[in-house]
Protein backbone atom coordinates (compact mmCIF):
# COMPACT_ATOMS: atom_id res chain seq x y z
CA UNK A 1 9.47 -9.79 6.99
CA UNK A 2 8.68 -7.38 4.36
CA UNK A 3 5.69 -5.26 3.94
CA UNK A 4 3.77 -5.06 0.95
CA UNK A 5 0.89 -3.11 -0.12
CA UNK A 6 -1.33 -3.48 -3.59
CA UNK A 7 -3.27 -0.87 -4.61
CA UNK A 8 -5.91 -2.82 -6.90
CA UNK A 9 -7.09 -4.03 -3.49
CA UNK A 10 -8.54 -0.53 -2.67
CA UNK A 11 -8.77 0.99 -6.38
CA UNK A 12 -10.30 -1.52 -8.38
CA UNK A 13 -7.79 -2.06 -11.74
CA UNK A 14 -4.56 -0.26 -10.27
CA UNK A 15 -1.50 -2.19 -10.74
CA UNK A 16 0.46 -0.38 -8.26
CA UNK A 17 2.53 -2.09 -5.94
CA UNK A 18 5.09 -0.86 -2.94
CA UNK A 19 7.30 -2.66 -0.76
CA UNK A 20 9.14 -2.02 2.46
CA UNK A 21 10.53 -3.56 5.60
CA UNK A 22 8.68 -1.07 7.69
CA UNK A 23 4.98 -1.51 7.85
CA UNK A 24 4.79 2.60 7.74
CA UNK A 25 7.18 3.35 4.93
CA UNK A 26 4.69 0.70 3.07
CA UNK A 27 1.47 3.16 4.35
CA UNK A 28 3.28 6.31 3.77
CA UNK A 29 4.16 5.29 0.23
CA UNK A 30 0.21 4.28 0.02
CA UNK A 31 -1.10 7.09 0.50
CA UNK A 32 1.64 9.68 -1.63
CA UNK A 33 0.24 7.55 -4.31
CA UNK A 34 -2.98 7.94 -3.51
CA UNK A 35 -2.43 11.69 -3.57
CA UNK A 36 -0.49 11.81 -7.03
CA UNK A 37 -1.92 9.00 -9.17
CA UNK A 38 -5.59 9.04 -8.01
CA UNK A 39 -5.63 12.08 -6.72
CA UNK A 40 -7.47 11.80 -2.87
CA UNK A 41 -6.85 14.99 -1.42
CA UNK A 42 -8.40 13.46 1.79
CA UNK A 43 -8.05 10.34 3.45
CA UNK A 44 -10.88 9.53 6.43
CA UNK A 45 -10.13 7.14 9.54
CA UNK A 46 -11.94 4.46 7.52
CA UNK A 47 -9.98 4.26 4.07
CA UNK A 48 -6.76 4.98 6.62
CA UNK A 49 -8.50 1.91 8.39
CA UNK A 50 -8.49 -0.35 5.01
CA UNK A 51 -4.79 0.88 3.81
CA UNK A 52 -3.61 -0.63 6.74
CA UNK A 53 -6.11 -3.42 6.61
CA UNK A 54 -4.86 -4.48 2.97
CA UNK A 55 -0.99 -4.45 3.89
CA UNK A 56 0.60 -7.85 4.61
CA UNK A 57 3.66 -9.27 5.12
CA UNK A 58 5.01 -11.56 2.79
CA UNK A 59 8.80 -13.47 2.31
CA UNK A 60 10.82 -12.56 0.02
CA UNK A 61 12.44 -15.89 -2.30
CA UNK A 62 15.81 -15.98 -3.20
CA UNK A 63 16.51 -15.60 -7.15
CA UNK A 64 18.49 -18.29 -8.48
């Protein structure tokens, strides 16, 4: 099942969304985004845990 990370759930106001079949790939994309866009150099264990907590599985809806 696909996984989604919505940055706004960690950084209020950010509209970045990452999708991947792999939870680990979504986490890597989220961390890269935080480094690049939000200029967050160091991610504490508590921030990493928060990132993992907000990644969720979603069902893809077929397009008509």
